[in-house]
Amino acid sequence: MSRRFLSLIQTIRSGISAQQFTNQVVSAKCLYYGISPFHTCSNLLQKENTKKQGEEHAKDEQRENHDDSSDNKDQQRQEQDQDKDTQFGNESESKGSKTGFNFSLVPVDDFSRVENKTKIAFHDAIDIYKRRTPPTGTEHIAFIYAALKHMKEFGVHKDLQTYKALIDVLPKGKYVPRSMFQSEYYFHPREQQCIVDLLEQMEDNAVIPDWEMETMLVNIFGRRGYPVRRYWRMMYWMPKFKNLSPWPLPSPVPEDTLELAKLAIKRIMTVDHQSEITVFQTKDVENSIDDTWIVSGQSPVQRKLLENHPVNKPIYVEGGFRIYLREMPMLYFILRAEPDRNRKIPVRDDYKADNVSQLNFPYIATAGASADDDIVNKPTVHEQEDGTFFAVCATGTSSKDSLLSWIRCLEKHGNPKLGKVSVLFTFKSPIGATVSIEDENEGQKSVDQEKPPIES
């Protein structure tokens, strides 16, 4: 293109509209090539019209092809989904024998229809729900509440991974507040309250969350969401209370009753650090009916107290008393004598440990001294106001025959005084409420019928 043509275009372009500029350019081309302006303009306009029509026709064809391809893709996806459903149904039939779960479309509350209630079946139900329900569905809350209600039946109410799988059901980023007002005015209250209830159930079951759960909650509700605030408070307090008990228990608590009895008697006998825990077998006792174990706890101080006990005063076997090791209850029995009412207590009512003005010297007679100020032994921790405690035990059957075997075992192991003193078996105690052995045995039988036998 020559300089003359460019200069002509620059002079024409100044101060005119776009249509006028286009006409002037066409005229300049016609003058430059020596062609008729009218003929050229008509040809150019015709060419432009045909070009536009061709482009529109091509776009229409592309749209039709795109619609056809999208329809074909939808059909292919539907066919693939059907294939997956049939394949998943076949797999579910093969898995049904293992988990006992019907792997069909999971309704909101389908947990009650599961036959074999295990952790695998519970997680399979969550996976099926996540696969079949769209991310924008509105049934997430009802599904989570139904799962929380049935967690104890499946034995996953103390499993952290199960709670994280339930939180992962909610869509990510949908409930994140976009402003300060949304964050303070409880943005999406139903979803936030649902996860707060989930965290409260975790706290009730002593399940401490981890840092991955914080990332999940932040991705769902943002850092200003109420579930995230609840999580932060749990992470501050729960680790502090985890190791606060002076009687730590293994996690999980053993299901063997013998191990539970050892833990229970050891906890009770911590008042005396010299206490000894001994396990007896009733089959070693002559004329014993029950064949079970006996976990007994006694200290050297208690043996000495039993040796000094008067022969004319009876001793009582009382119980059973109930002690809980987390959720696991255990019955125990005590060997007790009535308190000595004539015993002198060395502590006076007006005695104050910080008052040094009333110090009495035993070798120098003072005006404050009296004949009643005798030297007496300080009572031990086993001598209380409601009685003197000689031993504690827990048996496998909690029966009268096992308790009689316990007394005979104590007599052979350092307590010969028990052969001379009257021992009375009373299953009611003035100390506190006791559990009836017959009711306990009936309850234990019903529990044993519902649960499978425990291999010890």
Protein backbone atom coordinates (compact mmCIF):
# COMPACT_ATOMS: atom_id res chain seq x y z
CA MET A 1 0.00 0.00 0.00
CA SER A 2 1.49 3.40 -1.07
CA ARG A 3 2.12 6.41 1.08
CA ARG A 4 -0.41 8.39 -0.93
CA PHE A 5 -3.19 5.97 0.00
CA LEU A 6 -2.25 6.04 3.70
CA SER A 7 -2.14 9.83 3.82
CA LEU A 8 -5.52 9.92 2.11
CA ILE A 9 -6.96 7.63 4.77
CA GLN A 10 -5.53 9.76 7.59
CA THR A 11 -7.02 12.95 6.12
CA ILE A 12 -10.42 11.31 5.63
CA ARG A 13 -10.49 9.78 9.15
CA SER A 14 -10.40 13.10 11.01
CA GLY A 15 -13.78 14.40 12.14
CA ILE A 16 -16.14 11.83 10.53
CA SER A 17 -18.25 8.93 11.76
CA ALA A 18 -17.45 5.26 11.42
CA GLN A 19 -19.85 4.67 8.49
CA GLN A 20 -18.54 7.72 6.66
CA PHE A 21 -15.00 6.60 7.27
CA THR A 22 -15.81 3.17 5.76
CA ASN A 23 -17.36 4.74 2.66
CA GLN A 24 -14.41 7.08 2.20
CA VAL A 25 -11.96 4.17 2.47
CA VAL A 26 -13.87 2.22 -0.20
CA SER A 27 -13.86 5.27 -2.45
CA ALA A 28 -10.13 5.76 -1.90
CA LYS A 29 -9.48 2.10 -2.87
CA CYS A 30 -11.57 2.53 -6.02
CA LEU A 31 -9.67 5.69 -7.03
CA TYR A 32 -6.35 4.02 -6.34
CA TYR A 33 -7.11 0.95 -8.52
CA GLY A 34 -9.13 2.82 -11.16
CA ILE A 35 -12.41 0.99 -10.54
CA SER A 36 -15.93 2.37 -10.46
CA PRO A 37 -16.82 3.32 -6.89
CA PHE A 38 -20.47 2.31 -7.14
CA HIS A 39 -19.69 -1.07 -8.67
CA THR A 40 -17.01 -1.75 -6.06
CA CYS A 41 -19.18 -0.70 -3.14
CA SER A 42 -22.03 -2.91 -4.23
CA ASN A 43 -19.69 -5.83 -4.71
CA LEU A 44 -18.07 -5.26 -1.33
CA LEU A 45 -21.41 -4.98 0.41
CA GLN A 46 -22.63 -8.13 -1.29
CA LYS A 47 -19.47 -9.94 -0.30
CA GLU A 48 -19.79 -8.75 3.28
CA ASN A 49 -23.43 -9.84 3.43
CA THR A 50 -22.64 -13.27 2.03
CA LYS A 51 -19.73 -13.53 4.45
CA LYS A 52 -21.94 -12.66 7.42
CA GLN A 53 -24.60 -15.10 6.25
CA GLY A 54 -21.97 -17.80 5.91
CA GLU A 55 -20.62 -17.11 9.38
CA GLU A 56 -24.12 -17.20 10.89
CA HIS A 57 -24.87 -20.43 9.04
CA ALA A 58 -21.61 -21.94 10.31
CA LYS A 59 -22.45 -20.89 13.87
CA ASP A 60 -25.89 -22.46 13.57
CA GLU A 61 -24.35 -25.69 12.33
CA GLN A 62 -21.85 -25.63 15.21
CA ARG A 63 -24.65 -25.12 17.70
CA GLU A 64 -26.63 -28.00 16.21
CA ASN A 65 -23.55 -30.21 16.25
CA HIS A 66 -22.82 -29.17 19.84
CA ASP A 67 -26.39 -29.96 20.89
CA ASP A 68 -26.20 -33.32 19.16
CA SER A 69 -22.86 -34.07 20.78
CA SER A 70 -24.15 -32.99 24.21
CA ASP A 71 -27.21 -35.21 23.76
CA ASN A 72 -24.94 -38.07 22.78
CA LYS A 73 -22.72 -37.38 25.80
CA ASP A 74 -25.75 -37.31 28.10
CA GLN A 75 -26.91 -40.61 26.68
CA GLN A 76 -23.43 -42.04 27.10
CA ARG A 77 -23.29 -40.79 30.70
CA GLN A 78 -26.69 -42.29 31.44
CA GLU A 79 -25.60 -45.57 29.95
CA GLN A 80 -22.36 -45.47 31.98
CA ASP A 81 -24.32 -44.68 35.15
CA GLN A 82 -26.64 -47.59 34.44
CA ASP A 83 -23.65 -49.84 33.88
CA LYS A 84 -22.09 -48.62 37.12
CA ASP A 85 -25.36 -49.15 38.96
CA THR A 86 -25.67 -52.68 37.67
CA GLN A 87 -22.00 -53.33 38.41
CA PHE A 88 -22.31 -51.78 41.86
CA GLY A 89 -25.44 -53.80 42.46
CA ASN A 90 -23.60 -56.98 41.58
CA GLU A 91 -20.77 -55.99 43.90
CA SER A 92 -23.29 -55.21 46.62
CA GLU A 93 -24.80 -58.65 46.28
CA SER A 94 -21.36 -60.13 46.77
CA LYS A 95 -20.67 -57.82 49.71
CA GLY A 96 -24.05 -58.45 51.28
CA SER A 97 -22.85 -61.62 52.88
CA LYS A 98 -20.01 -59.75 54.58
CA THR A 99 -21.64 -56.53 55.74
CA GLY A 100 -25.33 -57.48 55.69
CA PHE A 101 -26.18 -54.09 54.14
CA ASN A 102 -28.56 -53.48 51.25
CA PHE A 103 -26.46 -51.48 48.76
CA SER A 104 -29.35 -49.75 47.03
CA LEU A 105 -30.17 -46.06 46.95
CA VAL A 106 -29.58 -44.95 50.54
CA PRO A 107 -32.51 -42.99 52.00
CA VAL A 108 -32.01 -40.48 54.75
CA ASP A 109 -32.58 -43.02 57.53
CA ASP A 110 -31.64 -46.45 56.22
CA PHE A 111 -29.33 -47.40 59.10
CA SER A 112 -32.04 -49.24 61.02
CA ARG A 113 -32.39 -51.82 58.21
CA VAL A 114 -28.78 -52.97 58.41
CA GLU A 115 -28.45 -56.53 59.68
CA ASN A 116 -24.73 -56.71 60.46
CA LYS A 117 -24.05 -53.40 62.17
CA THR A 118 -20.31 -52.87 61.83
CA LYS A 119 -17.99 -50.00 61.05
CA ILE A 120 -17.55 -51.18 57.45
CA ALA A 121 -21.31 -51.15 56.81
CA PHE A 122 -21.64 -47.67 58.34
CA HIS A 123 -18.90 -46.22 56.12
CA ASP A 124 -20.36 -47.98 53.07
CA ALA A 125 -23.68 -46.24 53.72
CA ILE A 126 -21.92 -42.86 53.87
CA ASP A 127 -20.03 -43.54 50.63
CA ILE A 128 -23.21 -44.58 48.81
CA TYR A 129 -25.02 -41.47 49.99
CA LYS A 130 -22.17 -39.21 48.84
CA ARG A 131 -22.06 -40.94 45.45
CA ARG A 132 -25.80 -40.82 44.78
CA THR A 133 -26.65 -37.40 46.25
CA PRO A 134 -25.63 -34.23 44.37
CA PRO A 135 -23.35 -31.74 46.16
CA THR A 136 -26.14 -29.14 46.24
CA GLY A 137 -28.70 -31.48 47.80
CA THR A 138 -30.74 -30.42 50.81
CA GLU A 139 -30.90 -33.80 52.58
CA HIS A 140 -27.41 -33.60 54.09
CA ILE A 141 -28.64 -32.41 57.48
CA ALA A 142 -31.27 -35.12 57.88
CA PHE A 143 -28.74 -37.77 56.84
CA ILE A 144 -26.14 -36.57 59.36
CA TYR A 145 -28.68 -36.47 62.20
CA ALA A 146 -29.84 -39.98 61.33
CA ALA A 147 -26.24 -41.20 61.28
CA LEU A 148 -25.52 -39.61 64.67
CA LYS A 149 -28.55 -41.35 66.14
CA HIS A 150 -27.38 -44.82 65.03
CA MET A 151 -23.64 -44.49 65.66
CA LYS A 152 -23.72 -46.27 69.01
CA GLU A 153 -25.53 -49.24 67.47
CA PHE A 154 -22.71 -49.65 64.95
CA GLY A 155 -19.99 -49.18 67.59
CA VAL A 156 -18.49 -46.11 65.89
CA HIS A 157 -19.56 -43.47 68.43
CA LYS A 158 -15.93 -43.14 69.57
CA ASP A 159 -14.27 -43.31 66.16
CA LEU A 160 -12.78 -40.04 64.92
CA GLN A 161 -12.62 -41.11 61.26
CA THR A 162 -16.37 -41.73 61.21
CA TYR A 163 -17.14 -38.21 62.44
CA LYS A 164 -14.81 -36.80 59.78
CA ALA A 165 -16.58 -38.84 57.11
CA LEU A 166 -19.92 -37.35 58.21
CA ILE A 167 -18.52 -33.81 58.07
CA ASP A 168 -17.20 -34.50 54.57
CA VAL A 169 -20.79 -35.04 53.37
CA LEU A 170 -21.44 -31.27 53.29
CA PRO A 171 -20.42 -29.31 50.17
CA LYS A 172 -17.29 -27.20 50.33
CA GLY A 173 -17.39 -23.40 50.12
CA LYS A 174 -21.17 -23.07 49.97
CA TYR A 175 -21.65 -22.02 53.59
CA VAL A 176 -18.65 -19.70 53.91
CA PRO A 177 -19.81 -16.21 55.03
CA ARG A 178 -18.87 -13.40 52.64
CA SER A 179 -19.14 -10.53 55.08
CA MET A 180 -18.94 -9.71 58.75
CA PHE A 181 -22.72 -9.53 59.06
CA GLN A 182 -23.21 -13.00 57.61
CA SER A 183 -20.65 -14.47 59.97
CA GLU A 184 -22.20 -12.89 63.08
CA TYR A 185 -25.85 -13.51 62.14
CA TYR A 186 -25.48 -17.30 61.89
CA PHE A 187 -25.11 -17.78 58.15
CA HIS A 188 -26.90 -21.04 57.10
CA PRO A 189 -28.04 -21.80 60.67
CA ARG A 190 -29.34 -25.34 60.07
CA GLU A 191 -26.06 -26.58 58.64
CA GLN A 192 -23.96 -24.88 61.32
CA GLN A 193 -26.15 -26.18 64.16
CA CYS A 194 -25.96 -29.70 62.72
CA ILE A 195 -22.15 -29.75 62.84
CA VAL A 196 -22.18 -28.14 66.31
CA ASP A 197 -24.37 -31.01 67.51
CA LEU A 198 -21.92 -33.44 65.92
CA LEU A 199 -19.03 -31.85 67.81
CA GLU A 200 -21.04 -31.97 71.06
CA GLN A 201 -21.59 -35.69 70.58
CA MET A 202 -17.85 -36.08 70.07
CA GLU A 203 -17.23 -34.24 73.33
CA ASP A 204 -19.77 -36.39 75.19
CA ASN A 205 -17.95 -39.52 73.98
CA ALA A 206 -14.50 -38.08 74.82
CA VAL A 207 -13.37 -38.05 71.17
CA ILE A 208 -10.65 -35.43 70.68
CA PRO A 209 -10.56 -33.96 67.14
CA ASP A 210 -7.38 -33.57 65.13
CA TRP A 211 -5.98 -30.79 62.94
CA GLU A 212 -7.37 -32.29 59.74
CA MET A 213 -10.89 -31.69 61.06
CA GLU A 214 -10.10 -28.00 61.43
CA THR A 215 -9.13 -27.84 57.75
CA MET A 216 -12.38 -29.55 56.78
CA LEU A 217 -14.50 -27.18 58.89
CA VAL A 218 -12.70 -24.10 57.54
CA ASN A 219 -13.27 -25.27 53.96
CA ILE A 220 -16.98 -25.73 54.63
CA PHE A 221 -17.85 -22.83 56.97
CA GLY A 222 -14.86 -20.49 56.89
CA ARG A 223 -12.76 -19.36 59.83
CA ARG A 224 -15.63 -17.27 61.24
CA GLY A 225 -18.14 -20.12 61.34
CA TYR A 226 -19.58 -21.27 64.65
CA PRO A 227 -18.47 -24.91 64.16
CA VAL A 228 -14.88 -23.70 63.82
CA ARG A 229 -15.19 -21.71 67.04
CA ARG A 230 -16.62 -24.76 68.77
CA TYR A 231 -13.71 -26.83 67.47
CA TRP A 232 -11.17 -24.35 68.87
CA ARG A 233 -12.75 -24.47 72.33
CA MET A 234 -12.70 -28.28 72.26
CA MET A 235 -9.04 -28.34 71.27
CA TYR A 236 -8.20 -26.04 74.17
CA TRP A 237 -10.06 -27.87 76.96
CA MET A 238 -10.26 -31.54 76.00
CA PRO A 239 -6.50 -32.25 75.97
CA LYS A 240 -6.29 -30.65 79.42
CA PHE A 241 -8.97 -32.95 80.86
CA LYS A 242 -7.70 -36.06 79.05
CA ASN A 243 -4.85 -36.78 81.49
CA LEU A 244 -6.33 -35.08 84.55
CA SER A 245 -7.64 -38.25 86.22
CA PRO A 246 -5.27 -39.79 88.80
CA TRP A 247 -6.51 -43.24 87.69
CA PRO A 248 -5.70 -43.48 83.99
CA LEU A 249 -7.39 -46.23 82.02
CA PRO A 250 -6.29 -47.87 78.76
CA SER A 251 -8.09 -46.84 75.61
CA PRO A 252 -10.17 -48.74 74.78
CA VAL A 253 -11.10 -50.27 78.12
CA PRO A 254 -10.58 -54.06 78.03
CA GLU A 255 -13.73 -56.13 77.70
CA ASP A 256 -12.37 -59.01 79.77
CA THR A 257 -14.10 -58.95 83.18
CA LEU A 258 -10.99 -60.19 84.98
CA GLU A 259 -8.92 -57.26 83.69
CA LEU A 260 -11.72 -54.86 84.57
CA ALA A 261 -11.83 -56.26 88.11
CA LYS A 262 -8.07 -55.74 88.49
CA LEU A 263 -8.38 -52.13 87.36
CA ALA A 264 -11.35 -51.50 89.68
CA ILE A 265 -9.74 -52.99 92.82
CA LYS A 266 -6.48 -51.20 92.06
CA ARG A 267 -8.34 -47.90 91.85
CA ILE A 268 -10.15 -48.52 95.14
CA MET A 269 -6.97 -49.51 96.99
CA THR A 270 -4.98 -46.42 95.96
CA VAL A 271 -5.70 -44.92 99.38
CA ASP A 272 -2.90 -47.14 100.70
CA HIS A 273 0.24 -47.42 98.58
CA GLN A 274 1.22 -50.68 100.32
CA SER A 275 -1.90 -52.46 99.10
CA GLU A 276 -1.49 -55.81 97.38
CA ILE A 277 -3.75 -57.12 94.61
CA THR A 278 -4.11 -60.92 94.59
CA VAL A 279 -6.05 -63.16 92.21
CA PHE A 280 -7.52 -66.36 93.71
CA GLN A 281 -9.20 -69.30 92.00
CA THR A 282 -12.20 -70.84 93.71
CA LYS A 283 -11.29 -74.30 92.43
CA ASP A 284 -8.38 -74.27 94.90
CA VAL A 285 -10.84 -74.03 97.81
CA GLU A 286 -12.36 -77.22 99.19
CA ASN A 287 -16.12 -77.75 98.81
CA SER A 288 -16.43 -74.75 96.49
CA ILE A 289 -19.41 -74.76 94.12
CA ASP A 290 -18.51 -71.93 91.74
CA ASP A 291 -15.53 -72.21 89.42
CA THR A 292 -14.49 -68.58 88.99
CA TRP A 293 -11.83 -66.04 89.92
CA ILE A 294 -11.56 -63.63 92.85
CA VAL A 295 -9.60 -60.36 92.76
CA SER A 296 -8.78 -59.34 96.34
CA GLY A 297 -7.12 -56.20 97.66
CA GLN A 298 -5.57 -55.88 101.12
CA SER A 299 -2.67 -54.00 102.71
CA PRO A 300 -0.37 -54.98 105.63
CA VAL A 301 -2.05 -52.31 107.76
CA GLN A 302 -5.43 -53.95 107.18
CA ARG A 303 -4.01 -57.35 108.18
CA LYS A 304 -2.76 -55.83 111.43
CA LEU A 305 -6.12 -54.22 112.11
CA LEU A 306 -7.84 -57.55 111.49
CA GLU A 307 -5.42 -59.31 113.84
CA ASN A 308 -6.21 -56.81 116.63
CA HIS A 309 -9.96 -57.03 116.11
CA PRO A 310 -11.88 -58.41 119.16
CA VAL A 311 -13.18 -61.93 118.78
CA ASN A 312 -16.59 -61.14 120.25
CA LYS A 313 -17.40 -58.56 117.56
CA PRO A 314 -18.60 -59.85 114.18
CA ILE A 315 -17.27 -58.83 110.75
CA TYR A 316 -19.58 -58.12 107.81
CA VAL A 317 -19.27 -58.87 104.10
CA GLU A 318 -21.28 -56.12 102.41
CA GLY A 319 -22.11 -55.31 98.83
CA GLY A 320 -22.30 -55.25 96.01
CA PHE A 321 -21.27 -51.71 95.32
CA ARG A 322 -20.92 -50.50 91.77
CA ILE A 323 -17.93 -48.72 90.29
CA TYR A 324 -17.71 -47.50 86.70
CA LEU A 325 -14.63 -47.72 84.49
CA ARG A 326 -15.83 -45.32 81.80
CA GLU A 327 -19.01 -47.11 80.59
CA MET A 328 -18.13 -50.51 82.02
CA PRO A 329 -19.70 -51.23 85.46
CA MET A 330 -18.11 -53.56 88.01
CA LEU A 331 -19.43 -54.89 91.32
CA TYR A 332 -17.20 -55.10 94.39
CA PHE A 333 -17.63 -56.23 98.01
CA ILE A 334 -16.04 -55.09 101.28
CA LEU A 335 -15.04 -56.75 104.54
CA ARG A 336 -16.02 -54.28 107.26
CA ALA A 337 -16.43 -54.06 111.04
CA GLU A 338 -18.44 -51.62 113.11
CA PRO A 339 -16.50 -48.60 114.37
CA ASP A 340 -15.20 -48.52 117.92
CA ARG A 341 -17.31 -45.91 119.68
CA ASN A 342 -15.02 -45.82 122.75
CA ARG A 343 -11.94 -45.01 120.75
CA LYS A 344 -10.29 -41.71 121.70
CA ILE A 345 -9.60 -39.29 118.88
CA PRO A 346 -6.41 -37.26 119.40
CA VAL A 347 -7.82 -34.17 117.70
CA ARG A 348 -9.76 -31.74 119.96
CA ASP A 349 -12.51 -29.45 118.80
CA ASP A 350 -10.61 -26.32 119.80
CA TYR A 351 -7.37 -27.51 118.27
CA LYS A 352 -5.80 -25.34 115.59
CA ALA A 353 -2.65 -26.37 113.82
CA ASP A 354 -1.50 -22.77 113.30
CA ASN A 355 -1.96 -21.71 116.94
CA VAL A 356 1.40 -21.99 118.80
CA SER A 357 0.16 -20.44 122.06
CA GLN A 358 -1.35 -23.72 123.32
CA LEU A 359 1.66 -25.96 122.95
CA ASN A 360 1.87 -28.61 125.68
CA PHE A 361 5.16 -30.13 126.77
CA PRO A 362 4.80 -33.78 127.89
CA TYR A 363 7.78 -33.59 130.30
CA ILE A 364 6.79 -30.30 131.95
CA ALA A 365 3.53 -29.84 133.78
CA THR A 366 1.65 -26.81 132.49
CA ALA A 367 -1.48 -25.11 133.61
CA GLY A 368 -3.38 -26.16 130.48
CA ALA A 369 -2.62 -29.87 130.87
CA SER A 370 -5.34 -32.28 132.04
CA ALA A 371 -5.64 -35.94 132.86
CA ASP A 372 -7.60 -36.61 129.67
CA ASP A 373 -4.72 -35.64 127.41
CA ASP A 374 -3.50 -39.20 126.88
CA ILE A 375 -1.22 -40.31 124.08
CA VAL A 376 -3.25 -42.29 121.54
CA ASN A 377 -2.43 -43.69 118.14
CA LYS A 378 -3.56 -41.77 115.14
CA PRO A 379 -6.26 -43.67 113.22
CA THR A 380 -5.25 -45.14 109.89
CA VAL A 381 -6.91 -44.35 106.58
CA HIS A 382 -8.85 -47.62 106.85
CA GLU A 383 -10.47 -46.60 110.14
CA GLN A 384 -13.32 -44.30 109.22
CA GLU A 385 -16.34 -42.97 111.06
CA ASP A 386 -18.63 -45.54 109.46
CA GLY A 387 -16.42 -48.56 110.15
CA THR A 388 -13.07 -50.28 109.81
CA PHE A 389 -12.33 -51.78 106.38
CA PHE A 390 -10.24 -54.94 106.22
CA ALA A 391 -10.34 -55.99 102.54
CA VAL A 392 -12.04 -55.44 99.17
CA CYS A 393 -12.81 -57.96 96.44
CA ALA A 394 -14.56 -58.55 93.11
CA THR A 395 -15.59 -61.99 91.87
CA GLY A 396 -16.52 -63.40 88.49
CA THR A 397 -20.02 -64.46 89.53
CA SER A 398 -20.72 -62.12 92.49
CA SER A 399 -22.41 -65.04 94.26
CA LYS A 400 -22.53 -65.97 97.93
CA ASP A 401 -20.44 -69.09 97.32
CA SER A 402 -17.66 -67.05 95.68
CA LEU A 403 -17.64 -64.65 98.64
CA LEU A 404 -17.38 -67.55 101.06
CA SER A 405 -14.42 -68.83 99.05
CA TRP A 406 -12.90 -65.33 99.32
CA ILE A 407 -13.04 -65.47 103.15
CA ARG A 408 -11.37 -68.89 103.14
CA CYS A 409 -8.63 -67.64 100.82
CA LEU A 410 -7.99 -64.63 103.09
CA GLU A 411 -7.76 -66.96 106.07
CA LYS A 412 -5.04 -68.99 104.37
CA HIS A 413 -3.07 -65.92 103.25
CA GLY A 414 -2.09 -64.11 106.44
CA ASN A 415 -5.45 -63.67 108.19
CA PRO A 416 -5.88 -66.58 110.68
CA LYS A 417 -8.16 -64.42 112.83
CA LEU A 418 -10.98 -65.00 110.35
CA GLY A 419 -11.28 -68.59 111.59
CA LYS A 420 -12.15 -67.32 115.09
CA VAL A 421 -14.37 -64.33 114.32
CA SER A 422 -17.99 -64.55 113.20
CA VAL A 423 -18.38 -63.42 109.56
CA LEU A 424 -21.88 -62.31 108.54
CA PHE A 425 -22.94 -61.94 104.88
CA THR A 426 -25.25 -58.94 104.53
CA PHE A 427 -26.11 -57.60 101.11
CA LYS A 428 -27.28 -54.30 102.56
CA SER A 429 -24.91 -51.72 103.95
CA PRO A 430 -25.35 -48.59 106.08
CA ILE A 431 -22.60 -47.00 104.01
CA GLY A 432 -24.67 -46.60 100.86
CA ALA A 433 -26.94 -48.22 98.30
CA THR A 434 -26.08 -51.72 97.15
CA VAL A 435 -26.97 -53.71 94.05
CA SER A 436 -28.99 -56.90 94.43
CA ILE A 437 -27.00 -59.89 93.22
CA GLU A 438 -30.06 -61.61 91.76
CA ASP A 439 -31.01 -58.53 89.72
CA GLU A 440 -27.43 -58.11 88.59
CA ASN A 441 -27.17 -61.72 87.48
CA GLU A 442 -30.45 -61.49 85.55
CA GLY A 443 -29.27 -58.30 83.85
CA GLN A 444 -25.93 -59.91 83.05
CA LYS A 445 -27.70 -62.92 81.51
CA SER A 446 -29.80 -60.67 79.28
CA VAL A 447 -26.71 -58.77 78.19
CA ASP A 448 -24.88 -62.03 77.48
CA GLN A 449 -27.77 -63.21 75.33
CA GLU A 450 -27.67 -60.01 73.26
CA LYS A 451 -23.89 -59.80 72.91
CA PRO A 452 -21.55 -62.46 71.52
CA PRO A 453 -19.35 -64.26 74.06
CA ILE A 454 -16.05 -62.59 74.90
CA GLU A 455 -12.92 -64.64 74.51
CA SER A 456 -10.72 -64.14 77.53
